[in-house]
Amino acid sequence: MRAVVQRVLSASVTVEGEVVGEIGEGLCVLVGAGQDDGRADDQGDVAYVADKLVNLRIFADDDGKMNRSVLDVGGGVLLVSQFTLYGDARKGRRPAFVGALEPVEAERLYQAVVAQVKAAGVVKVATGVFRADMKVALVNDGPVTILLDSRKRF
């Protein structure tokens, strides 16, 4: 699984003109599942991503150092599914998405990440709508943006 993690002051997702998920301070996370994640050991990928999200120390402590997690600051997490994280644009001008997991399995893994983030005790967990045309708005704080890959390819 892959995730783009952004520390935000606020973030929201709108579908067909209606806000379906929003948070204040916390993390806006784009989450995608790849072909390798659809195997029997996929819970390892889910656990890796969920654990990193709730425990990444990217919020400032009293000395201004990034030393606190979203749990430590009582922040929210907005999780948005995004298969395009597996887009391959190395050839030509149009990305290929053959590395993305098929939608039924991808949604199952995405929902598993959502469930584990909630179970970890995050104050507010919000989501987009899987496979919908979403508009994501956010105020990136810092900016701080971290890339995660459960297969540790980067």
Protein backbone atom coordinates (compact mmCIF):
# COMPACT_ATOMS: atom_id res chain seq x y z
CA MET A 1 0.00 0.00 0.00
CA ARG A 2 1.05 3.55 -0.58
CA ALA A 3 0.10 6.72 1.23
CA VAL A 4 0.78 10.41 0.84
CA VAL A 5 0.59 11.92 4.32
CA GLN A 6 0.13 15.66 4.71
CA ARG A 7 0.13 17.51 8.00
CA VAL A 8 -2.78 19.92 7.80
CA LEU A 9 -4.50 22.69 9.70
CA SER A 10 -7.75 21.58 8.03
CA ALA A 11 -8.93 19.32 5.23
CA SER A 12 -12.20 18.30 3.60
CA VAL A 13 -13.60 16.12 0.83
CA THR A 14 -16.59 17.12 -1.27
CA VAL A 15 -18.62 14.79 -3.50
CA GLU A 16 -21.30 16.22 -5.81
CA GLY A 17 -21.24 19.54 -3.94
CA GLU A 18 -21.63 17.99 -0.48
CA VAL A 19 -18.89 17.82 2.16
CA VAL A 20 -18.64 14.14 3.07
CA GLY A 21 -15.61 14.29 5.37
CA GLU A 22 -13.63 16.98 7.14
CA ILE A 23 -11.12 17.49 9.93
CA GLY A 24 -9.33 20.33 11.65
CA GLU A 25 -5.67 19.91 12.62
CA GLY A 26 -4.30 16.51 11.74
CA LEU A 27 -3.41 14.42 8.71
CA CYS A 28 -4.88 14.33 5.22
CA VAL A 29 -3.90 10.96 3.78
CA LEU A 30 -4.24 9.71 0.21
CA VAL A 31 -4.25 5.89 0.30
CA GLY A 32 -3.80 3.46 -2.59
CA ALA A 33 -3.54 -0.33 -2.82
CA GLY A 34 -1.35 -2.13 -5.33
CA GLN A 35 -1.37 -5.56 -6.95
CA ASP A 36 1.06 -6.94 -4.35
CA ASP A 37 -1.29 -5.88 -1.58
CA GLY A 38 -4.07 -8.24 -2.69
CA ARG A 39 -2.32 -11.34 -1.35
CA ALA A 40 -3.10 -13.38 1.74
CA ASP A 41 -0.59 -11.39 3.83
CA ASP A 42 -2.21 -8.04 3.01
CA GLN A 43 -3.00 -7.38 6.67
CA GLY A 44 0.71 -6.68 7.09
CA ASP A 45 0.38 -3.87 4.56
CA VAL A 46 -2.70 -2.50 6.29
CA ALA A 47 -1.07 -2.68 9.73
CA TYR A 48 2.10 -1.01 8.46
CA VAL A 49 0.26 1.94 6.94
CA ALA A 50 -2.17 2.39 9.86
CA ASP A 51 0.61 2.20 12.45
CA LYS A 52 2.76 4.71 10.59
CA LEU A 53 -0.15 7.12 10.21
CA VAL A 54 -1.05 7.26 13.88
CA ASN A 55 2.53 7.20 15.19
CA LEU A 56 4.50 9.38 12.76
CA ARG A 57 6.10 12.12 14.82
CA ILE A 58 5.52 15.06 12.49
CA PHE A 59 3.82 17.56 14.81
CA ALA A 60 5.83 20.11 16.77
CA ASP A 61 6.61 19.68 20.45
CA ASP A 62 7.10 22.60 22.86
CA ASP A 63 10.59 23.18 21.42
CA GLY A 64 9.32 23.33 17.84
CA LYS A 65 10.78 19.94 16.91
CA MET A 66 8.72 17.37 15.00
CA ASN A 67 8.31 15.01 17.93
CA ARG A 68 4.56 14.43 18.36
CA SER A 69 2.13 12.14 16.58
CA VAL A 70 -1.47 12.79 15.56
CA LEU A 71 -2.45 10.82 18.68
CA ASP A 72 -0.28 13.05 20.87
CA VAL A 73 -1.85 16.27 19.56
CA GLY A 74 -5.42 14.95 19.49
CA GLY A 75 -5.69 15.59 15.76
CA GLY A 76 -7.94 14.05 13.15
CA VAL A 77 -7.20 11.92 10.10
CA LEU A 78 -8.93 12.32 6.74
CA LEU A 79 -8.40 9.20 4.60
CA VAL A 80 -9.03 9.47 0.86
CA SER A 81 -8.75 6.50 -1.50
CA GLN A 82 -6.55 7.17 -4.53
CA PHE A 83 -5.62 4.45 -7.01
CA THR A 84 -3.52 6.94 -8.98
CA LEU A 85 -0.75 6.50 -6.41
CA TYR A 86 0.09 3.45 -8.51
CA GLY A 87 0.22 5.40 -11.76
CA ASP A 88 3.33 4.66 -13.83
CA ALA A 89 4.35 7.59 -16.03
CA ARG A 90 7.82 6.35 -16.97
CA LYS A 91 6.78 5.69 -20.60
CA GLY A 92 4.80 8.02 -22.81
CA ARG A 93 2.60 10.81 -21.59
CA ARG A 94 -0.39 8.96 -20.19
CA PRO A 95 0.11 7.09 -16.89
CA ALA A 96 -0.64 3.37 -16.76
CA PHE A 97 -2.49 2.10 -13.70
CA VAL A 98 -1.82 -1.62 -14.10
CA GLY A 99 -0.06 -1.66 -10.71
CA ALA A 100 -3.23 -0.62 -8.87
CA LEU A 101 -5.27 -3.31 -7.15
CA GLU A 102 -8.71 -4.05 -8.61
CA PRO A 103 -11.49 -1.99 -6.96
CA VAL A 104 -13.26 -4.61 -4.79
CA GLU A 105 -10.06 -5.72 -3.06
CA ALA A 106 -8.70 -2.17 -2.94
CA GLU A 107 -11.81 -0.94 -1.13
CA ARG A 108 -11.54 -3.80 1.36
CA LEU A 109 -7.95 -2.82 2.19
CA TYR A 110 -8.80 0.88 2.32
CA GLN A 111 -11.66 0.19 4.77
CA ALA A 112 -9.31 -1.97 6.85
CA VAL A 113 -6.89 0.97 7.16
CA VAL A 114 -9.78 3.23 8.19
CA ALA A 115 -10.86 0.69 10.84
CA GLN A 116 -7.35 0.33 12.25
CA VAL A 117 -6.82 4.10 12.43
CA LYS A 118 -10.12 4.39 14.32
CA ALA A 119 -9.17 1.51 16.63
CA ALA A 120 -5.87 3.23 17.44
CA GLY A 121 -7.79 6.01 19.16
CA VAL A 122 -7.60 8.90 16.70
CA VAL A 123 -10.04 11.57 17.91
CA LYS A 124 -11.75 12.10 14.53
CA VAL A 125 -11.45 9.88 11.47
CA ALA A 126 -13.15 11.05 8.28
CA THR A 127 -13.19 9.60 4.78
CA GLY A 128 -14.00 10.33 1.21
CA VAL A 129 -16.24 8.09 -0.91
CA PHE A 130 -14.51 5.17 -2.57
CA ARG A 131 -14.48 5.45 -6.41
CA ALA A 132 -16.28 8.80 -6.35
CA ASP A 133 -15.15 11.96 -8.13
CA MET A 134 -13.88 13.83 -5.06
CA LYS A 135 -12.70 17.37 -4.50
CA VAL A 136 -10.11 17.51 -1.73
CA ALA A 137 -9.32 20.82 -0.06
CA LEU A 138 -6.61 21.26 2.54
CA VAL A 139 -4.32 23.70 4.24
CA ASN A 140 -0.94 21.95 4.37
CA ASP A 141 0.90 22.92 7.55
CA GLY A 142 4.60 23.45 7.08
CA PRO A 143 4.31 22.17 4.40
CA VAL A 144 4.95 18.67 5.68
CA THR A 145 4.35 15.82 3.23
CA ILE A 146 5.58 12.24 3.79
CA LEU A 147 5.43 9.30 1.37
CA LEU A 148 4.81 5.78 2.69
CA ASP A 149 5.05 2.44 0.91
CA SER A 150 4.32 -0.78 2.80
CA ARG A 151 6.66 -2.65 0.44
CA LYS A 152 9.38 -0.10 1.26
CA ARG A 153 10.10 0.64 -2.39
CA PHE A 154 10.92 4.23 -1.49
